[in-house]
């Protein structure tokens, strides 16, 4: 598997872990929201870069 794809899946898994943290421990909801924002942001950037590489010449 390509390293970029592996990193994308790792970011999405981190986001899921943050959602689980928010559900399991509501007193950590602020930290979990920050983690979700970070992981989703990085995942979107990586996905966009992968899409641009495939669309390129």
Protein backbone atom coordinates (compact mmCIF):
# COMPACT_ATOMS: atom_id res chain seq x y z
CA UNK A 1 0.00 0.00 0.00
CA UNK A 2 1.25 3.48 -0.78
CA UNK A 3 2.55 5.49 2.18
CA UNK A 4 0.18 8.39 1.45
CA UNK A 5 -2.81 6.08 1.49
CA UNK A 6 -1.63 4.52 4.73
CA UNK A 7 -1.25 7.98 6.26
CA UNK A 8 -4.77 8.91 5.09
CA UNK A 9 -6.20 5.82 6.78
CA UNK A 10 -4.21 6.59 9.93
CA UNK A 11 -5.71 10.09 10.02
CA UNK A 12 -9.23 8.74 9.59
CA UNK A 13 -8.59 6.14 12.30
CA UNK A 14 -7.37 8.89 14.62
CA UNK A 15 -10.57 10.80 13.93
CA UNK A 16 -12.64 7.75 14.83
CA UNK A 17 -10.63 7.31 18.02
CA UNK A 18 -11.33 10.95 18.94
CA UNK A 19 -15.05 10.42 18.34
CA UNK A 20 -14.94 7.35 20.57
CA UNK A 21 -13.15 9.42 23.22
CA UNK A 22 -15.84 12.08 23.03
CA UNK A 23 -18.58 9.48 23.49
CA UNK A 24 -16.81 7.52 26.22
CA UNK A 25 -15.52 10.49 28.23
CA UNK A 26 -17.62 13.62 27.70
CA UNK A 27 -15.37 15.65 29.99
CA UNK A 28 -12.67 15.37 27.30
CA UNK A 29 -15.03 16.64 24.57
CA UNK A 30 -13.04 19.86 23.98
CA UNK A 31 -9.82 17.98 23.41
CA UNK A 32 -11.63 15.42 21.25
CA UNK A 33 -13.08 18.19 19.04
CA UNK A 34 -9.60 19.61 18.55
CA UNK A 35 -8.28 16.16 17.60
CA UNK A 36 -11.18 15.60 15.19
CA UNK A 37 -10.53 18.94 13.51
CA UNK A 38 -6.83 18.24 13.21
CA UNK A 39 -7.21 14.71 11.86
CA UNK A 40 -9.97 15.64 9.41
CA UNK A 41 -8.00 18.64 8.20
CA UNK A 42 -4.90 16.57 7.55
CA UNK A 43 -6.96 13.82 5.91
CA UNK A 44 -8.56 16.34 3.53
CA UNK A 45 -5.15 17.75 2.62
CA UNK A 46 -3.71 14.28 1.98
CA UNK A 47 -6.76 13.24 -0.06
CA UNK A 48 -6.53 16.40 -2.16
CA UNK A 49 -2.84 15.86 -2.79
CA UNK A 50 -3.50 12.25 -3.81
CA UNK A 51 -6.27 13.37 -6.17
CA UNK A 52 -4.06 16.03 -7.73
CA UNK A 53 -1.22 13.54 -8.25
CA UNK A 54 -3.54 11.11 -10.02
CA UNK A 55 -5.08 13.84 -12.19
CA UNK A 56 -1.70 15.24 -13.19
CA UNK A 57 0.27 14.31 -16.33
